[in-house]
Amino acid sequence: MKNRRTITVRLSPLALAASLALVSSGLSAAPLTFLGGTSFWDVASNWQGSTLPGIADDALLGAFDSEVRSIFTINSFSGTGRLTLSAGTLGF
């Protein structure tokens, strides 16, 4: 009978969060359009396809005022409305 070994790798909370963000964003290059509703970025129904923007996405805000209150890393954003950062971070 062969000996079996199991290797367990523990990710730091930051590495785990980064990994999950990459997987959940799907690394799609398609732009995501903000639909309004409420002004909050972290409400999926405010985005086209109910998909929150991720690291490779371009956020198209149009004329809507919007508010970031959690952590987002995106490729770029454009729009003519007001963008408020009330909490969290917005990275590029």
PDB file of N, CA and C in Angstrom:
ATOM      1  N   MET A   1       0.830  -1.165   0.000  1.00  0.00           N
ATOM      2  CA  MET A   1       0.000   0.000   0.000  1.00  0.00           C
ATOM      3  C   MET A   1       0.887   1.244   0.000  1.00  0.00           C
ATOM      4  N   LYS A   2       0.553   2.224  -0.867  1.00  0.00           N
ATOM      5  CA  LYS A   2       1.345   3.443  -0.966  1.00  0.00           C
ATOM      6  C   LYS A   2       0.988   4.410   0.149  1.00  0.00           C
ATOM      7  N   ASN A   3       1.992   5.147   0.580  1.00  0.00           N
ATOM      8  CA  ASN A   3       1.745   6.217   1.553  1.00  0.00           C
ATOM      9  C   ASN A   3       1.154   7.417   0.825  1.00  0.00           C
ATOM     10  N   ARG A   4       0.170   8.010   1.410  1.00  0.00           N
ATOM     11  CA  ARG A   4      -0.442   9.210   0.845  1.00  0.00           C
ATOM     12  C   ARG A   4      -0.170  10.382   1.765  1.00  0.00           C
ATOM     13  N   ARG A   5       0.136  11.504   1.156  1.00  0.00           N
ATOM     14  CA  ARG A   5       0.354  12.719   1.924  1.00  0.00           C
ATOM     15  C   ARG A   5      -0.624  13.774   1.459  1.00  0.00           C
ATOM     16  N   THR A   6      -1.110  14.507   2.394  1.00  0.00           N
ATOM     17  CA  THR A   6      -1.998  15.621   2.092  1.00  0.00           C
ATOM     18  C   THR A   6      -1.284  16.908   2.449  1.00  0.00           C
ATOM     19  N   ILE A   7      -1.274  17.815   1.506  1.00  0.00           N
ATOM     20  CA  ILE A   7      -0.649  19.106   1.741  1.00  0.00           C
ATOM     21  C   ILE A   7      -1.766  20.133   1.871  1.00  0.00           C
ATOM     22  N   THR A   8      -1.747  20.859   2.946  1.00  0.00           N
ATOM     23  CA  THR A   8      -2.735  21.904   3.182  1.00  0.00           C
ATOM     24  C   THR A   8      -2.047  23.252   3.081  1.00  0.00           C
ATOM     25  N   VAL A   9      -2.595  24.111   2.248  1.00  0.00           N
ATOM     26  CA  VAL A   9      -2.056  25.453   2.091  1.00  0.00           C
ATOM     27  C   VAL A   9      -3.071  26.418   2.677  1.00  0.00           C
ATOM     28  N   ARG A  10      -2.611  27.246   3.566  1.00  0.00           N
ATOM     29  CA  ARG A  10      -3.478  28.247   4.162  1.00  0.00           C
ATOM     30  C   ARG A  10      -3.128  29.611   3.589  1.00  0.00           C
ATOM     31  N   LEU A  11      -4.137  30.253   3.012  1.00  0.00           N
ATOM     32  CA  LEU A  11      -3.929  31.587   2.474  1.00  0.00           C
ATOM     33  C   LEU A  11      -4.195  32.621   3.555  1.00  0.00           C
ATOM     34  N   SER A  12      -3.417  33.667   3.516  1.00  0.00           N
ATOM     35  CA  SER A  12      -3.696  34.784   4.421  1.00  0.00           C
ATOM     36  C   SER A  12      -5.048  35.372   4.024  1.00  0.00           C
ATOM     37  N   PRO A  13      -5.734  36.058   4.935  1.00  0.00           N
ATOM     38  CA  PRO A  13      -7.025  36.653   4.573  1.00  0.00           C
ATOM     39  C   PRO A  13      -6.942  37.561   3.348  1.00  0.00           C
ATOM     40  N   LEU A  14      -5.852  38.320   3.207  1.00  0.00           N
ATOM     41  CA  LEU A  14      -5.704  39.215   2.063  1.00  0.00           C
ATOM     42  C   LEU A  14      -5.527  38.420   0.767  1.00  0.00           C
ATOM     43  N   ALA A  15      -4.709  37.377   0.787  1.00  0.00           N
ATOM     44  CA  ALA A  15      -4.515  36.547  -0.401  1.00  0.00           C
ATOM     45  C   ALA A  15      -5.797  35.820  -0.774  1.00  0.00           C
ATOM     46  N   LEU A  16      -6.541  35.364   0.220  1.00  0.00           N
ATOM     47  CA  LEU A  16      -7.809  34.696  -0.037  1.00  0.00           C
ATOM     48  C   LEU A  16      -8.807  35.660  -0.672  1.00  0.00           C
ATOM     49  N   ALA A  17      -8.898  36.866  -0.151  1.00  0.00           N
ATOM     50  CA  ALA A  17      -9.814  37.863  -0.703  1.00  0.00           C
ATOM     51  C   ALA A  17      -9.445  38.208  -2.146  1.00  0.00           C
ATOM     52  N   ALA A  18      -8.157  38.346  -2.414  1.00  0.00           N
ATOM     53  CA  ALA A  18      -7.710  38.654  -3.774  1.00  0.00           C
ATOM     54  C   ALA A  18      -8.040  37.513  -4.719  1.00  0.00           C
ATOM     55  N   SER A  19      -7.837  36.281  -4.277  1.00  0.00           N
ATOM     56  CA  SER A  19      -8.156  35.117  -5.105  1.00  0.00           C
ATOM     57  C   SER A  19      -9.638  35.044  -5.405  1.00  0.00           C
ATOM     58  N   LEU A  20     -10.451  35.262  -4.395  1.00  0.00           N
ATOM     59  CA  LEU A  20     -11.897  35.227  -4.590  1.00  0.00           C
ATOM     60  C   LEU A  20     -12.363  36.346  -5.503  1.00  0.00           C
ATOM     61  N   ALA A  21     -11.761  37.504  -5.401  1.00  0.00           N
ATOM     62  CA  ALA A  21     -12.130  38.624  -6.262  1.00  0.00           C
ATOM     63  C   ALA A  21     -11.827  38.310  -7.718  1.00  0.00           C
ATOM     64  N   LEU A  22     -10.685  37.689  -7.974  1.00  0.00           N
ATOM     65  CA  LEU A  22     -10.331  37.332  -9.342  1.00  0.00           C
ATOM     66  C   LEU A  22     -11.280  36.292  -9.908  1.00  0.00           C
ATOM     67  N   VAL A  23     -11.622  35.294  -9.102  1.00  0.00           N
ATOM     68  CA  VAL A  23     -12.525  34.243  -9.557  1.00  0.00           C
ATOM     69  C   VAL A  23     -13.925  34.792  -9.765  1.00  0.00           C
ATOM     70  N   SER A  24     -14.433  35.586  -8.822  1.00  0.00           N
ATOM     71  CA  SER A  24     -15.799  36.077  -8.922  1.00  0.00           C
ATOM     72  C   SER A  24     -15.966  37.086 -10.046  1.00  0.00           C
ATOM     73  N   SER A  25     -14.914  37.817 -10.396  1.00  0.00           N
ATOM     74  CA  SER A  25     -15.043  38.794 -11.469  1.00  0.00           C
ATOM     75  C   SER A  25     -15.054  38.121 -12.827  1.00  0.00           C
ATOM     76  N   GLY A  26     -14.547  36.894 -12.894  1.00  0.00           N
ATOM     77  CA  GLY A  26     -14.489  36.188 -14.153  1.00  0.00           C
ATOM     78  C   GLY A  26     -13.497  36.793 -15.133  1.00  0.00           C
ATOM     79  N   LEU A  27     -12.775  37.809 -14.704  1.00  0.00           N
ATOM     80  CA  LEU A  27     -11.819  38.509 -15.543  1.00  0.00           C
ATOM     81  C   LEU A  27     -12.422  38.912 -16.880  1.00  0.00           C
ATOM     82  N   SER A  28     -13.701  39.252 -16.885  1.00  0.00           N
ATOM     83  CA  SER A  28     -14.353  39.673 -18.111  1.00  0.00           C
ATOM     84  C   SER A  28     -13.866  41.052 -18.505  1.00  0.00           C
ATOM     85  N   ALA A  29     -13.723  41.251 -19.796  1.00  0.00           N
ATOM     86  CA  ALA A  29     -13.275  42.544 -20.285  1.00  0.00           C
ATOM     87  C   ALA A  29     -14.450  43.410 -20.711  1.00  0.00           C
ATOM     88  N   ALA A  30     -15.647  42.894 -20.608  1.00  0.00           N
ATOM     89  CA  ALA A  30     -16.830  43.634 -21.044  1.00  0.00           C
ATOM     90  C   ALA A  30     -17.135  44.770 -20.082  1.00  0.00           C
ATOM     91  N   PRO A  31     -17.567  45.908 -20.622  1.00  0.00           N
ATOM     92  CA  PRO A  31     -17.969  47.013 -19.751  1.00  0.00           C
ATOM     93  C   PRO A  31     -19.258  46.675 -19.009  1.00  0.00           C
ATOM     94  N   LEU A  32     -19.393  47.188 -17.803  1.00  0.00           N
ATOM     95  CA  LEU A  32     -20.614  47.001 -17.017  1.00  0.00           C
ATOM     96  C   LEU A  32     -21.295  48.348 -16.855  1.00  0.00           C
ATOM     97  N   THR A  33     -22.575  48.384 -17.143  1.00  0.00           N
ATOM     98  CA  THR A  33     -23.336  49.624 -17.097  1.00  0.00           C
ATOM     99  C   THR A  33     -24.076  49.749 -15.776  1.00  0.00           C
ATOM    100  N   PHE A  34     -23.916  50.881 -15.122  1.00  0.00           N
ATOM    101  CA  PHE A  34     -24.627  51.195 -13.877  1.00  0.00           C
ATOM    102  C   PHE A  34     -26.046  51.609 -14.242  1.00  0.00           C
ATOM    103  N   LEU A  35     -27.042  50.958 -13.602  1.00  0.00           N
ATOM    104  CA  LEU A  35     -28.443  51.192 -13.940  1.00  0.00           C
ATOM    105  C   LEU A  35     -29.159  52.115 -12.974  1.00  0.00           C
ATOM    106  N   GLY A  36     -28.514  52.504 -11.903  1.00  0.00           N
ATOM    107  CA  GLY A  36     -29.173  53.371 -10.925  1.00  0.00           C
ATOM    108  C   GLY A  36     -29.930  52.541  -9.904  1.00  0.00           C
ATOM    109  N   GLY A  37     -31.157  52.897  -9.626  1.00  0.00           N
ATOM    110  CA  GLY A  37     -31.892  52.253  -8.541  1.00  0.00           C
ATOM    111  C   GLY A  37     -31.531  52.967  -7.261  1.00  0.00           C
ATOM    112  N   THR A  38     -30.579  52.420  -6.531  1.00  0.00           N
ATOM    113  CA  THR A  38     -29.950  53.162  -5.442  1.00  0.00           C
ATOM    114  C   THR A  38     -28.599  53.615  -5.982  1.00  0.00           C
ATOM    115  N   SER A  39     -27.906  54.413  -5.258  1.00  0.00           N
ATOM    116  CA  SER A  39     -26.628  54.916  -5.770  1.00  0.00           C
ATOM    117  C   SER A  39     -25.453  54.003  -5.438  1.00  0.00           C
ATOM    118  N   PHE A  40     -25.688  52.915  -4.723  1.00  0.00           N
ATOM    119  CA  PHE A  40     -24.592  52.117  -4.166  1.00  0.00           C
ATOM    120  C   PHE A  40     -24.010  51.115  -5.161  1.00  0.00           C
ATOM    121  N   TRP A  41     -22.672  51.100  -5.235  1.00  0.00           N
ATOM    122  CA  TRP A  41     -21.970  50.163  -6.116  1.00  0.00           C
ATOM    123  C   TRP A  41     -22.131  48.717  -5.661  1.00  0.00           C
ATOM    124  N   ASP A  42     -22.274  48.465  -4.351  1.00  0.00           N
ATOM    125  CA  ASP A  42     -22.291  47.095  -3.839  1.00  0.00           C
ATOM    126  C   ASP A  42     -23.664  46.435  -3.899  1.00  0.00           C
ATOM    127  N   VAL A  43     -24.627  47.032  -4.597  1.00  0.00           N
ATOM    128  CA  VAL A  43     -25.948  46.428  -4.805  1.00  0.00           C
ATOM    129  C   VAL A  43     -25.965  45.888  -6.231  1.00  0.00           C
ATOM    130  N   ALA A  44     -25.929  44.562  -6.362  1.00  0.00           N
ATOM    131  CA  ALA A  44     -25.797  43.925  -7.675  1.00  0.00           C
ATOM    132  C   ALA A  44     -26.896  44.349  -8.648  1.00  0.00           C
ATOM    133  N   SER A  45     -28.107  44.556  -8.162  1.00  0.00           N
ATOM    134  CA  SER A  45     -29.206  44.915  -9.070  1.00  0.00           C
ATOM    135  C   SER A  45     -29.036  46.320  -9.666  1.00  0.00           C
ATOM    136  N   ASN A  46     -28.080  47.091  -9.175  1.00  0.00           N
ATOM    137  CA  ASN A  46     -27.790  48.401  -9.754  1.00  0.00           C
ATOM    138  C   ASN A  46     -26.928  48.304 -11.010  1.00  0.00           C
ATOM    139  N   TRP A  47     -26.463  47.103 -11.321  1.00  0.00           N
ATOM    140  CA  TRP A  47     -25.569  46.886 -12.450  1.00  0.00           C
ATOM    141  C   TRP A  47     -26.221  46.003 -13.499  1.00  0.00           C
ATOM    142  N   GLN A  48     -25.892  46.245 -14.745  1.00  0.00           N
ATOM    143  CA  GLN A  48     -26.377  45.425 -15.849  1.00  0.00           C
ATOM    144  C   GLN A  48     -26.010  43.968 -15.590  1.00  0.00           C
ATOM    145  N   GLY A  49     -26.979  43.074 -15.733  1.00  0.00           N
ATOM    146  CA  GLY A  49     -26.742  41.654 -15.498  1.00  0.00           C
ATOM    147  C   GLY A  49     -26.617  41.296 -14.032  1.00  0.00           C
ATOM    148  N   SER A  50     -26.905  42.228 -13.141  1.00  0.00           N
ATOM    149  CA  SER A  50     -26.776  42.020 -11.692  1.00  0.00           C
ATOM    150  C   SER A  50     -25.393  41.498 -11.323  1.00  0.00           C
ATOM    151  N   THR A  51     -24.375  42.028 -12.004  1.00  0.00           N
ATOM    152  CA  THR A  51     -22.997  41.624 -11.781  1.00  0.00           C
ATOM    153  C   THR A  51     -22.203  42.813 -11.258  1.00  0.00           C
ATOM    154  N   LEU A  52     -21.591  42.659 -10.096  1.00  0.00           N
ATOM    155  CA  LEU A  52     -20.747  43.722  -9.553  1.00  0.00           C
ATOM    156  C   LEU A  52     -19.472  43.840 -10.380  1.00  0.00           C
ATOM    157  N   PRO A  53     -18.955  45.052 -10.567  1.00  0.00           N
ATOM    158  CA  PRO A  53     -17.727  45.205 -11.349  1.00  0.00           C
ATOM    159  C   PRO A  53     -16.526  44.606 -10.627  1.00  0.00           C
ATOM    160  N   GLY A  54     -15.623  44.039 -11.428  1.00  0.00           N
ATOM    161  CA  GLY A  54     -14.415  43.418 -10.898  1.00  0.00           C
ATOM    162  C   GLY A  54     -13.166  44.010 -11.512  1.00  0.00           C
ATOM    163  N   ILE A  55     -12.064  43.379 -11.247  1.00  0.00           N
ATOM    164  CA  ILE A  55     -10.741  43.915 -11.548  1.00  0.00           C
ATOM    165  C   ILE A  55     -10.510  44.221 -13.031  1.00  0.00           C
ATOM    166  N   ALA A  56     -11.124  43.491 -13.940  1.00  0.00           N
ATOM    167  CA  ALA A  56     -10.889  43.712 -15.368  1.00  0.00           C
ATOM    168  C   ALA A  56     -12.027  44.469 -16.035  1.00  0.00           C
ATOM    169  N   ASP A  57     -12.986  44.955 -15.258  1.00  0.00           N
ATOM    170  CA  ASP A  57     -14.178  45.583 -15.827  1.00  0.00           C
ATOM    171  C   ASP A  57     -14.067  47.094 -15.931  1.00  0.00           C
ATOM    172  N   ASP A  58     -14.755  47.633 -16.933  1.00  0.00           N
ATOM    173  CA  ASP A  58     -14.904  49.077 -17.105  1.00  0.00           C
ATOM    174  C   ASP A  58     -16.306  49.441 -16.621  1.00  0.00           C
ATOM    175  N   ALA A  59     -16.400  50.291 -15.616  1.00  0.00           N
ATOM    176  CA  ALA A  59     -17.689  50.701 -15.053  1.00  0.00           C
ATOM    177  C   ALA A  59     -18.197  51.927 -15.802  1.00  0.00           C
ATOM    178  N   LEU A  60     -19.354  51.773 -16.452  1.00  0.00           N
ATOM    179  CA  LEU A  60     -19.964  52.868 -17.187  1.00  0.00           C
ATOM    180  C   LEU A  60     -21.081  53.444 -16.341  1.00  0.00           C
ATOM    181  N   LEU A  61     -20.857  54.636 -15.787  1.00  0.00           N
ATOM    182  CA  LEU A  61     -21.782  55.220 -14.819  1.00  0.00           C
ATOM    183  C   LEU A  61     -22.836  56.121 -15.449  1.00  0.00           C
ATOM    184  N   GLY A  62     -22.630  56.537 -16.680  1.00  0.00           N
ATOM    185  CA  GLY A  62     -23.577  57.440 -17.318  1.00  0.00           C
ATOM    186  C   GLY A  62     -23.696  58.735 -16.529  1.00  0.00           C
ATOM    187  N   ALA A  63     -24.930  59.237 -16.397  1.00  0.00           N
ATOM    188  CA  ALA A  63     -25.164  60.486 -15.665  1.00  0.00           C
ATOM    189  C   ALA A  63     -25.595  60.229 -14.227  1.00  0.00           C
ATOM    190  N   PHE A  64     -25.581  58.956 -13.788  1.00  0.00           N
ATOM    191  CA  PHE A  64     -26.009  58.624 -12.429  1.00  0.00           C
ATOM    192  C   PHE A  64     -24.983  59.069 -11.393  1.00  0.00           C
ATOM    193  N   ASP A  65     -25.468  59.578 -10.263  1.00  0.00           N
ATOM    194  CA  ASP A  65     -24.618  59.762  -9.093  1.00  0.00           C
ATOM    195  C   ASP A  65     -24.468  58.400  -8.449  1.00  0.00           C
ATOM    196  N   SER A  66     -23.260  58.039  -8.037  1.00  0.00           N
ATOM    197  CA  SER A  66     -23.045  56.720  -7.440  1.00  0.00           C
ATOM    198  C   SER A  66     -22.123  56.841  -6.233  1.00  0.00           C
ATOM    199  N   GLU A  67     -22.161  55.800  -5.404  1.00  0.00           N
ATOM    200  CA  GLU A  67     -21.411  55.836  -4.140  1.00  0.00           C
ATOM    201  C   GLU A  67     -20.738  54.500  -3.878  1.00  0.00           C
ATOM    202  N   VAL A  68     -19.428  54.557  -3.616  1.00  0.00           N
ATOM    203  CA  VAL A  68     -18.648  53.383  -3.234  1.00  0.00           C
ATOM    204  C   VAL A  68     -18.579  53.368  -1.714  1.00  0.00           C
ATOM    205  N   ARG A  69     -19.044  52.271  -1.124  1.00  0.00           N
ATOM    206  CA  ARG A  69     -19.007  52.158   0.338  1.00  0.00           C
ATOM    207  C   ARG A  69     -18.366  50.844   0.789  1.00  0.00           C
ATOM    208  N   SER A  70     -17.690  50.161  -0.129  1.00  0.00           N
ATOM    209  CA  SER A  70     -16.948  48.942   0.182  1.00  0.00           C
ATOM    210  C   SER A  70     -15.714  48.904  -0.721  1.00  0.00           C
ATOM    211  N   ILE A  71     -15.077  47.765  -0.860  1.00  0.00           N
ATOM    212  CA  ILE A  71     -13.816  47.661  -1.600  1.00  0.00           C
ATOM    213  C   ILE A  71     -14.086  47.199  -3.027  1.00  0.00           C
ATOM    214  N   PHE A  72     -13.638  47.990  -4.000  1.00  0.00           N
ATOM    215  CA  PHE A  72     -13.736  47.638  -5.413  1.00  0.00           C
ATOM    216  C   PHE A  72     -12.413  47.912  -6.092  1.00  0.00           C
ATOM    217  N   THR A  73     -12.010  47.007  -6.968  1.00  0.00           N
ATOM    218  CA  THR A  73     -10.872  47.217  -7.852  1.00  0.00           C
ATOM    219  C   THR A  73     -11.382  46.967  -9.263  1.00  0.00           C
ATOM    220  N   ILE A  74     -11.277  47.974 -10.119  1.00  0.00           N
ATOM    221  CA  ILE A  74     -11.797  47.893 -11.479  1.00  0.00           C
ATOM    222  C   ILE A  74     -10.728  48.344 -12.462  1.00  0.00           C
ATOM    223  N   ASN A  75     -10.978  48.127 -13.735  1.00  0.00           N
ATOM    224  CA  ASN A  75     -10.060  48.582 -14.776  1.00  0.00           C
ATOM    225  C   ASN A  75     -10.176  50.098 -14.975  1.00  0.00           C
ATOM    226  N   SER A  76     -11.422  50.583 -15.157  1.00  0.00           N
ATOM    227  CA  SER A  76     -11.627  52.012 -15.367  1.00  0.00           C
ATOM    228  C   SER A  76     -13.093  52.351 -15.117  1.00  0.00           C
ATOM    229  N   PHE A  77     -13.400  53.651 -15.082  1.00  0.00           N
ATOM    230  CA  PHE A  77     -14.790  54.080 -15.025  1.00  0.00           C
ATOM    231  C   PHE A  77     -14.957  55.356 -15.823  1.00  0.00           C
ATOM    232  N   SER A  78     -16.191  55.579 -16.268  1.00  0.00           N
ATOM    233  CA  SER A  78     -16.503  56.822 -16.973  1.00  0.00           C
ATOM    234  C   SER A  78     -17.932  57.222 -16.647  1.00  0.00           C
ATOM    235  N   GLY A  79     -18.210  58.490 -16.729  1.00  0.00           N
ATOM    236  CA  GLY A  79     -19.542  58.992 -16.468  1.00  0.00           C
ATOM    237  C   GLY A  79     -19.505  60.468 -16.157  1.00  0.00           C
ATOM    238  N   THR A  80     -20.678  61.080 -16.133  1.00  0.00           N
ATOM    239  CA  THR A  80     -20.771  62.504 -15.869  1.00  0.00           C
ATOM    240  C   THR A  80     -21.412  62.799 -14.518  1.00  0.00           C
ATOM    241  N   GLY A  81     -21.918  61.760 -13.839  1.00  0.00           N
ATOM    242  CA  GLY A  81     -22.511  61.959 -12.521  1.00  0.00           C
ATOM    243  C   GLY A  81     -21.448  62.095 -11.450  1.00  0.00           C
ATOM    244  N   ARG A  82     -21.896  62.363 -10.229  1.00  0.00           N
ATOM    245  CA  ARG A  82     -20.990  62.506  -9.088  1.00  0.00           C
ATOM    246  C   ARG A  82     -20.646  61.120  -8.539  1.00  0.00           C
ATOM    247  N   LEU A  83     -19.364  60.873  -8.281  1.00  0.00           N
ATOM    248  CA  LEU A  83     -18.895  59.628  -7.667  1.00  0.00           C
ATOM    249  C   LEU A  83     -18.425  59.958  -6.264  1.00  0.00           C
ATOM    250  N   THR A  84     -19.052  59.333  -5.268  1.00  0.00           N
ATOM    251  CA  THR A  84     -18.719  59.577  -3.874  1.00  0.00           C
ATOM    252  C   THR A  84     -18.061  58.329  -3.293  1.00  0.00           C
ATOM    253  N   LEU A  85     -16.958  58.502  -2.586  1.00  0.00           N
ATOM    254  CA  LEU A  85     -16.296  57.425  -1.860  1.00  0.00           C
ATOM    255  C   LEU A  85     -16.566  57.669  -0.380  1.00  0.00           C
ATOM    256  N   SER A  86     -17.565  56.940   0.164  1.00  0.00           N
ATOM    257  CA  SER A  86     -17.961  57.174   1.560  1.00  0.00           C
ATOM    258  C   SER A  86     -17.288  56.215   2.533  1.00  0.00           C
ATOM    259  N   ALA A  87     -16.831  55.084   2.041  1.00  0.00           N
ATOM    260  CA  ALA A  87     -16.129  54.085   2.851  1.00  0.00           C
ATOM    261  C   ALA A  87     -15.419  53.140   1.884  1.00  0.00           C
ATOM    262  N   GLY A  88     -14.573  52.278   2.397  1.00  0.00           N
ATOM    263  CA  GLY A  88     -13.892  51.329   1.538  1.00  0.00           C
ATOM    264  C   GLY A  88     -12.863  51.985   0.655  1.00  0.00           C
ATOM    265  N   THR A  89     -12.585  51.339  -0.500  1.00  0.00           N
ATOM    266  CA  THR A  89     -11.595  51.855  -1.438  1.00  0.00           C
ATOM    267  C   THR A  89     -12.049  51.583  -2.871  1.00  0.00           C
ATOM    268  N   LEU A  90     -11.533  52.364  -3.783  1.00  0.00           N
ATOM    269  CA  LEU A  90     -11.749  52.152  -5.213  1.00  0.00           C
ATOM    270  C   LEU A  90     -10.375  52.177  -5.846  1.00  0.00           C
ATOM    271  N   GLY A  91      -9.970  51.032  -6.354  1.00  0.00           N
ATOM    272  CA  GLY A  91      -8.643  50.912  -6.951  1.00  0.00           C
ATOM    273  C   GLY A  91      -8.724  50.605  -8.436  1.00  0.00           C
ATOM    274  N   PHE A  92      -7.623  50.853  -9.130  1.00  0.00           N
ATOM    275  CA  PHE A  92      -7.559  50.637 -10.570  1.00  0.00           C
ATOM    276  C   PHE A  92      -6.342  49.818 -10.933  1.00  0.00           C
TER     277      PHE A  92
END
